[in-house]
Each structure stands twice: as structure tokens, then as C-alpha cells.
Amino acid sequence: MKLILKMFLFAFLIYSTQAFSRAGGGGGGSSHSSSSSSHSSSHSSSSHRSSGHGTQAPPWVVKIVVGIVICVVLFFIIVITKAIIYSKKHPELSENKSRKQNSGPVITEAFTKANPGFDKDAFKTKVKTAFLAIQNAWQEQDLSKVRNWISDGVYQRFCLQFDMMKQLGQTNRLSNISITKTEFVKAAIEGNYSILTVAIYFKMNDQFISEKLPELNENYIAEHAMEYWTFIKKSGAIDKNLYSDNSCPNCGNELNKNGGEVSKCPSCETITYLGDYDWVLSEITQEDDYEDDIDYDPNEEHLLTLRNNEDVCTQTMEDKAANAFIHYLFASAWNKPEYFNRFGTDEVVAELQKESDEPYIYNRMYVNRVTFSDCVFEKQMYHMNFTVVYTSQRVRLANNKVKKLDDDIETRWGEITLSRKEGKAHTKSKLWSYECSHCGAPHKDSTSTSCSYCNQKINTPEFDWIVTSINKA
């Protein structure tokens, strides 16, 4: 009986499709294409003699048997469907988690030693504050109130998503949001950084609405879900709280209320979201996309050398990779490679310029996960490689009508390589995307490949990490 139930459950899941929205992409959606084929079979039989009579069953018996089989199949489908609906409403009861349960405590003695005064309850309070504030910022398409404590990569991917949503006249209304549980999943120390991942169980009403294109609308009521939120900061004690105080953590003066691309103190020019003063949200990963296992050696020779040469860890590099990758996707969609100029070398940008597809828009675009793969050193260059999982649906607008280039929201994979020249880090910028790595001056033109102050070439691995290879499925 268990085997039959598993077979029905497997078949049901293969043909199911999720397409939730909310901040960070929600379930993101995974579509499975299937094809059905009909076949005919001929049955030949040799004569079988038994007292001179055949053994073929009467037609009415066959009909009864077929009817019984159909009823049994329908019964199992109904039972399994109800079980799946119940499991979605109570994800904490699921035994088939995508992550492995930790055998020991997540917050270890070594972690608390590296972060004196760490308080689990205080941290979870920040997580809840961050979660609710991000949902509100997402549906308002305004990140000004959360900019102080979200990473550059998170900020950039949200802003680009907002641009696409505005073109389609879309809003994502979220209501009746409640967090049912939070739990620590992973705590790590890498170089000068501490990293914490928390599983957030929640429910909400989720309505994705396009007044201009109602065929893109979706509505989910009282959806239960779970996401992994990863926070990062420099190891050490915390004496500031960016989640409840809008004053500069360095000089105490009031920070800009309107946020912006760079959350910088107007008095002392302190940048708040580099992890120097408090925990910073650096990644949101969906339950199906999270991988607890590390497939690389954190003490590999090249990684250790890089940590000695600059303030780097794989989590901050994943944030940079996510930032670059989503700029690449949107530059490709719009056929505007100049939006990717400062991220990639001339060779990578040249490949992007060769694309000649008619511009399109993403109905949905979410970076589900960015995972560091390995670090390679050759020809006096470090190359950090990453795998990207992203969810999207491409559409094209014409005369206020939408043409779907993808039938459904699909999950795709891509790869990206960031490279930098061997040696001590020479960059004078604190922000990878907005300051010249040679002189530290802010970019006046974010599409230019040279600094307007020092005329130094921007898109070169001479001073900072630059994309030297990228591809999308």
C-alpha cells in the first residue's frame, strides 16, 4: 500500500506547478513539461483447449473490473491530494526536508566566542523585523526603509525586478502575514566574517496583480511556506542596532531617510550595510533550492591566500555574483549591453553585444540561489566560479497585449566567473558597483567603462573582481 501511495504521490508532484510571488521570489515556481503518447497493442493468443471451451471473461465482468479500478485510482488521487494540501499548510510537519537536520547545536562555542554577547532571541527579533519590513518594501516597491541593512546584491536584484513589474503594471499585494516559527540552520565563520542562516516558517495572502494585463494575475490565500534567510557581519561584538535605530552607527547623526543605491551617512560617509556594525541580509533562498552541504573546501589554498590579501569570504562573493548575473539577464533582455559594462570585461560585453533577439520583459525574475563552486588560480589570476539557479518567464508586449515566450514560469541554471589579478587587493572602493576601484570616486555614469575622475578603466580585473565568463540556460 505504501508503494502505491508513493507512486501516486510521485506522479502528482511531477505534474504540479508552483508560481508564488512575494519578496525574493516566493516559491519562484518550477514548471515541468510533459508529453503524453498513446499507443496501441495487439494481443495474439494461441488456442487453449480445456474441455473444448475458451477462458475469456464475459463483457459485463470486464466492465465491472474496469469500473472498480477507476474508482480506486480516483480514491487514491483524492486522498493524496488532501495529504499534499495539508502538508503545505503545515510544512513544519514534513519529514522530507530539503536540508539535513543538524546533529549538534547550530550556534557553537566557537561562534559565540567570535561574536561576544551574541543573543539568540535578540537576533531572531531582528530576523522577524527584517522579514516583515522586506515584505512591506516589496509590495510598495520602495526599499528606502530597509536599505541600511540589506546587501548591494539584494538591493540591486529587487530594484531590477521593480523595473520590470512597472513595465507590466504589476503589483504584489501581501496581507495577513504571520511568522509561525524561526530556527537557526547554519552558523559559520569564514575569515573575518560570521554568517548565520535562519529558516523562517510563515503564512500570508499573496496576490500578484497586473491591471494592464490581467492574464498574468495570480492569487494565493493563506499560503504556508518556508524560506532560508542568510545574514552576514564582521565577527565581533555588536553595539549598534540598524533595525531599530536610524542613526549612523559610527558618528550617531541621522542617516538619510530615503535610502538609495548607497546608504551612506551624510556626515561621516559611513556605509551601513557592509557588515561592520550589524547583521546584514545577504541572501534569500527558497526551501527547494537550499543546500546545506558544502561542496568545496573552505580551507583550500587559494581561498586562504585570498582571505589574507583582502576582506573576502564566499558569502560576500556570492552576493557580488548575484548582482552581476541579474544585471546580465536584464541587459540581455533589453538588448542594452551598456547596463552590464562595469561588471564584465570587454570580451564578455562583446559577446553580449552580439545578441540580436527582439527585446522582451520578464513577467517573473528571481535569483533562487547562487552557490560558490571553486577557486582556480592560473596565469597570475584568481577565478572564482559560481552556479546560479534562477526562475523566470519571458514575455513580450505589443499593443497592450502580452505574448508569452515561455508558456510557464521556468527554473533555469547559469554559470558565472569572477576574476582578479594576483596580489594584495588594490581596490580603493568599498562598493563594488558604484565606486571606482582605482581612485574610490563615485561613478557619475554607471554605463561607462572608465572613471570620470581618474580615467582609469573600470571593467578590468587589475584592481577588483570582474566577470570574465558568464552564460545562462
Protein backbone atom coordinates (compact mmCIF):
# COMPACT_ATOMS: atom_id res chain seq x y z
CA MET A 1 0.00 0.00 0.00
CA LYS A 2 2.84 2.42 0.85
CA LEU A 3 4.45 1.71 -2.51
CA ILE A 4 1.20 2.54 -4.33
CA LEU A 5 0.83 5.78 -2.37
CA LYS A 6 4.39 6.80 -3.20
CA MET A 7 3.83 6.07 -6.87
CA PHE A 8 0.70 8.25 -6.95
CA LEU A 9 2.44 10.98 -4.98
CA PHE A 10 5.42 10.95 -7.33
CA ALA A 11 3.15 11.17 -10.36
CA PHE A 12 1.19 14.04 -8.82
CA LEU A 13 4.33 16.05 -8.00
CA ILE A 14 5.74 15.62 -11.48
CA TYR A 15 2.74 17.38 -12.97
CA SER A 16 2.36 20.04 -10.29
CA THR A 17 3.46 23.64 -10.78
CA GLN A 18 4.13 26.34 -8.20
CA ALA A 19 4.38 30.01 -9.02
CA PHE A 20 4.29 32.07 -5.86
CA SER A 21 5.50 35.65 -5.74
CA ARG A 22 6.31 37.69 -2.56
CA ALA A 23 9.66 39.30 -1.76
CA GLY A 24 12.61 37.37 -3.10
CA GLY A 25 10.52 35.30 -5.44
CA GLY A 26 8.49 33.09 -3.18
CA GLY A 27 8.43 29.58 -4.47
CA GLY A 28 9.73 31.03 -7.67
CA GLY A 29 7.88 28.32 -9.47
CA SER A 30 9.08 25.23 -11.15
CA SER A 31 7.35 24.03 -14.21
CA HIS A 32 7.61 20.53 -15.54
CA SER A 33 6.86 19.90 -19.16
CA SER A 34 5.36 16.57 -20.01
CA SER A 35 4.24 14.84 -23.13
CA SER A 36 1.68 12.08 -23.37
CA SER A 37 1.73 9.45 -26.02
CA SER A 38 -0.94 6.96 -26.91
CA HIS A 39 -0.05 3.54 -28.07
CA SER A 40 -1.96 0.54 -29.28
CA SER A 41 -1.04 -3.00 -28.60
CA SER A 42 -2.17 -6.11 -30.34
CA HIS A 43 -2.68 -9.24 -28.42
CA SER A 44 -2.36 -12.55 -30.15
CA SER A 45 -3.18 -15.75 -28.45
CA SER A 46 -2.89 -19.34 -29.31
CA SER A 47 -5.83 -21.57 -28.86
CA HIS A 48 -6.05 -23.14 -25.48
CA ARG A 49 -8.11 -26.26 -25.14
CA SER A 50 -9.79 -27.04 -21.88
CA SER A 51 -12.82 -29.25 -22.17
CA GLY A 52 -13.34 -27.59 -25.55
CA HIS A 53 -14.21 -24.13 -24.02
CA GLY A 54 -12.27 -20.76 -24.02
CA THR A 55 -11.49 -18.79 -20.81
CA GLN A 56 -12.43 -15.26 -21.96
CA ALA A 57 -14.42 -13.36 -19.32
CA PRO A 58 -17.89 -12.07 -20.18
CA PRO A 59 -18.06 -8.35 -21.20
CA TRP A 60 -20.06 -7.36 -18.12
CA VAL A 61 -17.29 -8.73 -15.86
CA VAL A 62 -14.66 -6.68 -17.71
CA LYS A 63 -16.77 -3.53 -17.27
CA ILE A 64 -17.11 -4.13 -13.54
CA VAL A 65 -13.38 -4.68 -13.12
CA VAL A 66 -12.54 -1.51 -15.09
CA GLY A 67 -15.06 0.46 -13.03
CA ILE A 68 -13.53 -0.77 -9.79
CA VAL A 69 -10.01 0.16 -10.95
CA ILE A 70 -11.16 3.67 -11.92
CA CYS A 71 -12.85 4.16 -8.53
CA VAL A 72 -9.72 3.00 -6.68
CA VAL A 73 -7.50 5.35 -8.69
CA LEU A 74 -9.83 8.31 -8.06
CA PHE A 75 -9.95 7.46 -4.34
CA PHE A 76 -6.15 7.48 -4.06
CA ILE A 77 -5.88 10.74 -6.01
CA ILE A 78 -8.37 12.42 -3.66
CA VAL A 79 -6.61 11.10 -0.53
CA ILE A 80 -3.15 12.05 -1.74
CA THR A 81 -4.29 15.48 -2.90
CA LYS A 82 -5.73 16.18 0.55
CA ALA A 83 -2.49 14.99 2.16
CA ILE A 84 -0.43 17.30 -0.05
CA ILE A 85 -2.68 20.27 0.73
CA TYR A 86 -2.37 19.53 4.45
CA SER A 87 1.42 19.21 4.25
CA LYS A 88 1.63 22.59 2.50
CA LYS A 89 -0.41 24.14 5.29
CA HIS A 90 1.85 22.52 7.89
CA PRO A 91 5.37 22.46 6.39
CA GLU A 92 6.91 22.03 9.81
CA LEU A 93 5.42 18.50 9.89
CA SER A 94 7.10 17.39 6.69
CA GLU A 95 9.67 14.65 7.13
CA ASN A 96 11.12 15.05 3.65
CA LYS A 97 13.08 18.25 4.17
CA SER A 98 15.48 19.51 1.55
CA ARG A 99 18.06 20.11 4.22
CA LYS A 100 19.63 17.66 6.62
CA GLN A 101 18.89 18.01 10.30
CA ASN A 102 21.88 19.14 12.29
CA SER A 103 23.14 16.53 14.73
CA GLY A 104 24.74 19.13 17.01
CA PRO A 105 23.99 22.69 18.11
CA VAL A 106 23.99 25.27 15.32
CA ILE A 107 25.35 28.08 17.48
CA THR A 108 28.63 26.63 18.68
CA GLU A 109 31.03 27.79 21.36
CA ALA A 110 33.47 28.89 18.65
CA PHE A 111 30.76 31.07 17.05
CA THR A 112 29.81 32.78 20.32
CA LYS A 113 33.48 33.30 21.12
CA ALA A 114 33.93 35.06 17.77
CA ASN A 115 30.81 37.14 18.46
CA PRO A 116 30.89 38.14 22.16
CA GLY A 117 27.49 38.87 23.63
CA PHE A 118 25.59 37.13 20.84
CA ASP A 119 21.95 36.80 21.90
CA LYS A 120 19.78 34.28 20.06
CA ASP A 121 16.49 35.94 20.98
CA ALA A 122 17.75 39.40 20.02
CA PHE A 123 18.92 38.08 16.68
CA LYS A 124 15.58 36.38 15.99
CA THR A 125 13.86 39.67 16.77
CA LYS A 126 15.96 41.31 14.04
CA VAL A 127 15.06 38.47 11.67
CA LYS A 128 11.34 39.00 12.26
CA THR A 129 11.73 42.76 11.86
CA ALA A 130 13.65 42.22 8.62
CA PHE A 131 11.12 39.74 7.25
CA LEU A 132 8.07 41.92 7.83
CA ALA A 133 9.81 45.10 6.66
CA ILE A 134 11.06 43.44 3.46
CA GLN A 135 7.57 42.16 2.60
CA ASN A 136 6.18 45.68 3.02
CA ALA A 137 9.03 47.22 1.00
CA TRP A 138 8.49 44.65 -1.75
CA GLN A 139 4.79 45.31 -2.20
CA GLU A 140 5.35 49.08 -2.07
CA GLN A 141 8.32 48.74 -4.46
CA ASP A 142 10.29 51.03 -2.17
CA LEU A 143 13.47 49.84 -0.40
CA SER A 144 14.36 53.11 1.33
CA LYS A 145 13.32 51.91 4.79
CA VAL A 146 15.34 48.68 4.60
CA ARG A 147 18.40 49.88 2.69
CA ASN A 148 20.53 50.29 5.81
CA TRP A 149 20.76 46.55 6.37
CA ILE A 150 20.41 44.79 3.00
CA SER A 151 23.39 43.95 0.83
CA ASP A 152 24.16 45.55 -2.50
CA GLY A 153 23.21 42.36 -4.34
CA VAL A 154 19.81 42.06 -2.65
CA TYR A 155 19.10 45.74 -3.29
CA GLN A 156 20.05 45.57 -6.97
CA ARG A 157 18.07 42.45 -7.81
CA PHE A 158 14.95 43.87 -6.14
CA CYS A 159 15.27 47.19 -7.98
CA LEU A 160 15.60 45.49 -11.36
CA GLN A 161 12.57 43.34 -10.57
CA PHE A 162 10.65 46.51 -9.75
CA ASP A 163 11.58 47.99 -13.14
CA MET A 164 10.10 45.00 -14.95
CA MET A 165 6.98 44.96 -12.78
CA LYS A 166 6.36 48.63 -13.54
CA GLN A 167 6.58 47.97 -17.27
CA LEU A 168 3.87 45.32 -16.89
CA GLY A 169 1.80 47.41 -14.47
CA GLN A 170 2.24 44.77 -11.78
CA THR A 171 1.88 44.94 -8.02
CA ASN A 172 2.30 42.18 -5.47
CA ARG A 173 -0.17 42.59 -2.62
CA LEU A 174 0.75 40.73 0.54
CA SER A 175 -1.55 40.54 3.56
CA ASN A 176 -2.28 38.58 6.75
CA ILE A 177 1.45 37.89 7.15
CA SER A 178 2.42 35.88 10.19
CA ILE A 179 5.63 34.13 11.16
CA THR A 180 4.91 30.75 12.73
CA LYS A 181 8.47 29.72 13.57
CA THR A 182 12.12 30.67 13.13
CA GLU A 183 15.04 28.34 13.67
CA PHE A 184 18.79 28.51 13.24
CA VAL A 185 20.01 26.33 10.39
CA LYS A 186 23.65 27.14 9.93
CA ALA A 187 26.33 29.25 11.61
CA ALA A 188 29.77 29.68 10.08
CA ILE A 189 32.92 31.72 10.43
CA GLU A 190 34.95 32.47 7.32
CA GLY A 191 37.91 34.79 7.52
CA ASN A 192 36.80 37.99 9.27
CA TYR A 193 33.10 37.28 8.72
CA SER A 194 30.39 35.45 10.63
CA ILE A 195 27.45 34.03 8.68
CA LEU A 196 24.05 32.94 10.01
CA THR A 197 21.24 31.21 8.11
CA VAL A 198 17.74 31.06 9.58
CA ALA A 199 14.70 29.09 8.42
CA ILE A 200 11.55 31.24 8.54
CA TYR A 201 8.16 29.48 8.55
CA PHE A 202 5.28 31.77 7.68
CA LYS A 203 1.90 32.18 6.03
CA MET A 204 0.36 35.03 4.04
CA ASN A 205 -2.12 36.01 1.36
CA ASP A 206 -0.24 36.56 -1.89
CA GLN A 207 -1.84 38.36 -4.84
CA PHE A 208 0.14 39.15 -7.98
CA ILE A 209 -1.89 41.70 -9.92
CA SER A 210 -1.48 43.40 -13.29
CA GLU A 211 -4.30 45.81 -14.06
CA LYS A 212 -2.97 46.24 -17.59
CA LEU A 213 -2.51 42.52 -18.27
CA PRO A 214 -4.96 40.55 -16.10
CA GLU A 215 -3.93 37.27 -17.74
CA LEU A 216 -0.76 37.46 -15.61
CA ASN A 217 -2.70 37.65 -12.32
CA GLU A 218 -2.26 35.03 -9.61
CA ASN A 219 -3.86 34.69 -6.20
CA TYR A 220 -2.90 32.53 -3.21
CA ILE A 221 -4.79 32.67 0.07
CA ALA A 222 -3.25 31.68 3.42
CA GLU A 223 -0.19 30.16 1.74
CA HIS A 224 2.18 28.38 4.11
CA ALA A 225 5.83 28.42 3.16
CA MET A 226 9.38 28.42 4.45
CA GLU A 227 12.45 30.36 3.30
CA TYR A 228 16.10 30.48 4.31
CA TRP A 229 17.43 33.96 5.09
CA THR A 230 21.21 34.43 5.39
CA PHE A 231 22.78 37.28 7.33
CA ILE A 232 26.43 38.30 7.48
CA LYS A 233 28.62 40.65 9.51
CA LYS A 234 32.20 41.16 10.58
CA SER A 235 32.95 38.93 13.56
CA GLY A 236 32.97 40.71 16.91
CA ALA A 237 30.59 42.27 19.38
CA ILE A 238 27.63 44.41 18.29
CA ASP A 239 26.92 47.71 19.98
CA LYS A 240 24.56 49.14 17.33
CA ASN A 241 21.13 48.14 16.04
CA LEU A 242 20.41 49.14 12.45
CA TYR A 243 16.96 47.53 12.65
CA SER A 244 15.56 49.88 15.27
CA ASP A 245 17.73 52.98 15.02
CA ASN A 246 18.14 55.33 12.05
CA SER A 247 21.24 56.99 13.42
CA CYS A 248 24.71 56.45 11.97
CA PRO A 249 26.44 53.56 13.78
CA ASN A 250 29.72 55.48 13.57
CA CYS A 251 29.02 59.15 14.38
CA GLY A 252 25.45 58.97 15.71
CA ASN A 253 23.98 61.55 13.32
CA GLU A 254 20.73 60.80 11.50
CA LEU A 255 21.00 58.73 8.33
CA ASN A 256 19.23 59.62 5.10
CA LYS A 257 15.60 58.59 5.32
CA ASN A 258 15.21 57.95 1.62
CA GLY A 259 17.86 55.21 1.39
CA GLY A 260 19.01 54.90 -2.18
CA GLU A 261 21.62 53.00 -4.11
CA VAL A 262 24.20 53.71 -1.41
CA SER A 263 23.19 54.01 2.24
CA LYS A 264 25.88 56.44 3.32
CA CYS A 265 25.92 58.73 6.34
CA PRO A 266 25.71 62.36 5.14
CA SER A 267 28.01 63.45 7.97
CA CYS A 268 30.88 60.96 8.12
CA GLU A 269 30.19 58.97 4.91
CA THR A 270 29.99 55.67 6.76
CA ILE A 271 28.37 52.94 4.68
CA THR A 272 25.99 50.95 6.84
CA TYR A 273 25.47 47.65 5.04
CA LEU A 274 28.98 46.27 4.75
CA GLY A 275 28.64 44.22 7.93
CA ASP A 276 30.93 46.40 10.02
CA TYR A 277 28.28 47.31 12.60
CA ASP A 278 25.35 44.89 12.47
CA TRP A 279 23.93 41.84 10.70
CA VAL A 280 23.14 42.43 7.02
CA LEU A 281 20.67 40.43 4.92
CA SER A 282 22.69 38.99 2.05
CA GLU A 283 20.56 36.19 0.59
CA ILE A 284 17.02 34.79 0.46
CA THR A 285 16.81 31.17 -0.64
CA GLN A 286 13.68 29.14 -1.28
CA GLU A 287 13.18 25.85 0.53
CA ASP A 288 13.55 23.71 -2.59
CA ASP A 289 16.77 25.48 -3.58
CA TYR A 290 18.68 25.38 -0.31
CA GLU A 291 21.64 23.06 0.01
CA ASP A 292 23.11 22.51 3.42
CA ASP A 293 26.18 20.63 2.26
CA ILE A 294 29.35 22.48 1.29
CA ASP A 295 30.86 21.10 -1.90
CA TYR A 296 34.15 22.94 -1.56
CA ASP A 297 36.99 23.02 0.94
CA PRO A 298 36.76 26.31 2.91
CA ASN A 299 40.44 25.92 3.78
CA GLU A 300 41.56 25.40 0.20
CA GLU A 301 44.92 27.03 -0.52
CA HIS A 302 43.70 29.73 -2.92
CA LEU A 303 40.82 30.75 -0.65
CA LEU A 304 43.17 31.09 2.31
CA THR A 305 45.51 33.26 0.23
CA LEU A 306 42.64 35.50 -0.83
CA ARG A 307 41.47 35.93 2.76
CA ASN A 308 44.95 37.04 3.71
CA ASN A 309 45.10 39.51 0.83
CA GLU A 310 41.68 41.10 1.21
CA ASP A 311 38.47 41.14 3.25
CA VAL A 312 36.68 38.39 1.37
CA CYS A 313 34.50 35.38 2.05
CA THR A 314 32.43 33.17 -0.24
CA GLN A 315 29.14 34.68 1.02
CA THR A 316 30.13 38.23 0.04
CA MET A 317 31.39 36.93 -3.30
CA GLU A 318 28.09 35.13 -3.91
CA ASP A 319 26.39 38.48 -3.34
CA LYS A 320 28.61 40.08 -5.99
CA ALA A 321 27.97 37.21 -8.38
CA ALA A 322 24.19 37.56 -7.91
CA ASN A 323 24.41 41.29 -8.53
CA ALA A 324 26.37 40.83 -11.75
CA PHE A 325 24.27 37.93 -13.02
CA ILE A 326 20.92 39.68 -12.73
CA HIS A 327 22.35 42.79 -14.45
CA TYR A 328 23.47 40.47 -17.24
CA LEU A 329 19.99 38.94 -17.56
CA PHE A 330 18.28 42.31 -17.78
CA ALA A 331 20.87 43.78 -20.15
CA SER A 332 20.30 40.75 -22.38
CA ALA A 333 16.51 41.06 -22.18
CA TRP A 334 16.53 44.74 -23.04
CA ASN A 335 19.28 44.41 -25.68
CA LYS A 336 21.18 47.10 -23.79
CA PRO A 337 24.64 45.64 -23.07
CA GLU A 338 25.83 49.00 -21.73
CA TYR A 339 23.98 48.22 -18.48
CA PHE A 340 26.48 45.42 -17.95
CA ASN A 341 29.60 47.39 -18.93
CA ARG A 342 31.03 47.93 -15.46
CA PHE A 343 30.54 44.29 -14.45
CA GLY A 344 32.25 42.39 -17.28
CA THR A 345 35.44 42.54 -19.29
CA ASP A 346 35.40 43.91 -22.84
CA GLU A 347 35.35 40.35 -24.14
CA VAL A 348 32.26 39.39 -22.11
CA VAL A 349 30.45 42.60 -23.07
CA ALA A 350 31.33 41.99 -26.74
CA GLU A 351 29.60 38.60 -26.59
CA LEU A 352 26.55 40.27 -25.10
CA GLN A 353 26.56 42.83 -27.90
CA LYS A 354 26.29 40.03 -30.47
CA GLU A 355 22.82 39.08 -29.22
CA SER A 356 20.16 40.23 -31.65
CA ASP A 357 16.91 38.90 -30.17
CA GLU A 358 13.96 41.26 -30.04
CA PRO A 359 13.77 42.85 -26.56
CA TYR A 360 11.49 41.20 -24.02
CA ILE A 361 10.35 41.62 -20.42
CA TYR A 362 10.38 39.22 -17.51
CA ASN A 363 6.95 38.59 -16.06
CA ARG A 364 8.85 36.98 -13.20
CA MET A 365 12.56 37.02 -12.47
CA TYR A 366 14.03 35.61 -9.27
CA VAL A 367 17.52 34.52 -8.37
CA ASN A 368 16.74 31.38 -6.40
CA ARG A 369 20.28 30.55 -5.36
CA VAL A 370 23.90 31.47 -6.04
CA THR A 371 26.43 28.84 -4.98
CA PHE A 372 30.20 29.13 -4.92
CA SER A 373 31.79 26.20 -6.78
CA ASP A 374 35.56 26.56 -6.63
CA CYS A 375 38.52 28.89 -6.86
CA VAL A 376 41.12 28.42 -9.59
CA PHE A 377 44.49 30.13 -9.93
CA GLU A 378 46.20 30.34 -13.30
CA LYS A 379 48.26 32.84 -15.27
CA GLN A 380 48.55 35.16 -12.26
CA MET A 381 44.77 35.38 -11.94
CA TYR A 382 42.28 34.16 -9.36
CA HIS A 383 38.99 32.85 -10.79
CA MET A 384 36.02 32.23 -8.51
CA ASN A 385 33.27 30.16 -10.11
CA PHE A 386 29.58 30.17 -9.18
CA THR A 387 26.43 28.29 -10.19
CA VAL A 388 23.21 30.31 -10.40
CA VAL A 389 19.66 28.97 -10.22
CA TYR A 390 17.03 31.46 -11.35
CA THR A 391 13.33 31.42 -12.14
CA SER A 392 11.79 33.42 -14.95
CA GLN A 393 9.06 33.80 -17.53
CA ARG A 394 9.79 35.91 -20.59
CA VAL A 395 7.01 37.90 -22.24
CA ARG A 396 6.82 40.48 -24.99
CA LEU A 397 4.40 43.42 -25.13
CA ALA A 398 2.72 44.67 -28.29
CA ASN A 399 -0.36 46.92 -28.49
CA ASN A 400 -1.08 46.36 -24.79
CA LYS A 401 -1.20 42.62 -25.35
CA VAL A 402 1.20 40.13 -23.89
CA LYS A 403 2.85 37.33 -25.82
CA LYS A 404 4.35 34.63 -23.64
CA LEU A 405 7.76 33.50 -24.86
CA ASP A 406 7.73 30.90 -22.09
CA ASP A 407 4.49 29.02 -21.52
CA ASP A 408 5.07 28.96 -17.79
CA ILE A 409 7.45 30.16 -15.10
CA GLU A 410 10.57 28.03 -15.53
CA THR A 411 13.65 27.35 -13.45
CA ARG A 412 16.96 27.68 -15.26
CA TRP A 413 20.66 27.40 -14.47
CA GLY A 414 23.61 29.60 -15.27
CA GLU A 415 27.30 29.95 -14.50
CA ILE A 416 29.45 32.98 -13.77
CA THR A 417 33.17 33.52 -13.10
CA LEU A 418 34.63 36.48 -11.22
CA SER A 419 38.34 37.09 -11.67
CA ARG A 420 41.02 39.30 -10.12
CA LYS A 421 44.74 39.73 -10.61
CA GLU A 422 47.12 38.04 -8.16
CA GLY A 423 48.45 40.03 -5.23
CA LYS A 424 47.18 42.24 -2.45
CA ALA A 425 43.79 43.83 -3.13
CA HIS A 426 44.40 47.23 -4.72
CA THR A 427 40.81 48.40 -4.81
CA LYS A 428 40.05 51.73 -3.12
CA SER A 429 36.29 51.25 -3.36
CA LYS A 430 34.05 49.88 -0.66
CA LEU A 431 31.17 49.31 -3.03
CA TRP A 432 31.78 47.04 -5.97
CA SER A 433 29.19 48.65 -8.23
CA TYR A 434 29.24 52.34 -7.52
CA GLU A 435 32.81 53.46 -6.83
CA CYS A 436 35.96 53.40 -8.94
CA SER A 437 38.23 50.61 -7.73
CA HIS A 438 41.27 52.70 -8.68
CA CYS A 439 40.56 56.09 -7.04
CA GLY A 440 37.41 55.44 -5.00
CA ALA A 441 35.38 58.19 -6.67
CA PRO A 442 31.66 57.53 -7.24
CA HIS A 443 30.57 56.62 -10.75
CA LYS A 444 28.82 59.50 -12.49
CA ASP A 445 27.86 57.26 -15.40
CA SER A 446 27.16 53.67 -14.38
CA THR A 447 27.28 52.53 -18.04
CA SER A 448 30.78 53.86 -18.68
CA THR A 449 33.84 51.61 -18.76
CA SER A 450 36.19 54.32 -17.45
CA CYS A 451 36.18 56.54 -14.37
CA SER A 452 35.10 60.13 -14.99
CA TYR A 453 37.64 61.35 -12.38
CA CYS A 454 40.85 59.39 -12.97
CA ASN A 455 40.05 57.96 -16.43
CA GLN A 456 41.12 54.52 -15.20
CA LYS A 457 39.49 51.57 -16.93
CA ILE A 458 36.74 50.21 -14.70
CA ASN A 459 35.96 46.79 -16.16
CA THR A 460 39.34 45.22 -15.58
CA PRO A 461 40.47 42.57 -13.06
CA GLU A 462 43.55 44.68 -12.32
CA PHE A 463 42.02 46.18 -9.17
CA ASP A 464 38.75 44.41 -8.42
CA TRP A 465 36.65 41.34 -9.20
CA ILE A 466 35.23 41.42 -12.73
CA VAL A 467 33.10 38.94 -14.71
CA THR A 468 35.34 37.07 -17.15
CA SER A 469 32.85 34.35 -18.11
CA ILE A 470 29.08 34.04 -17.96
CA ASN A 471 26.31 32.00 -19.53
CA LYS A 472 22.62 31.39 -18.99
CA ALA A 473 20.48 28.42 -19.94
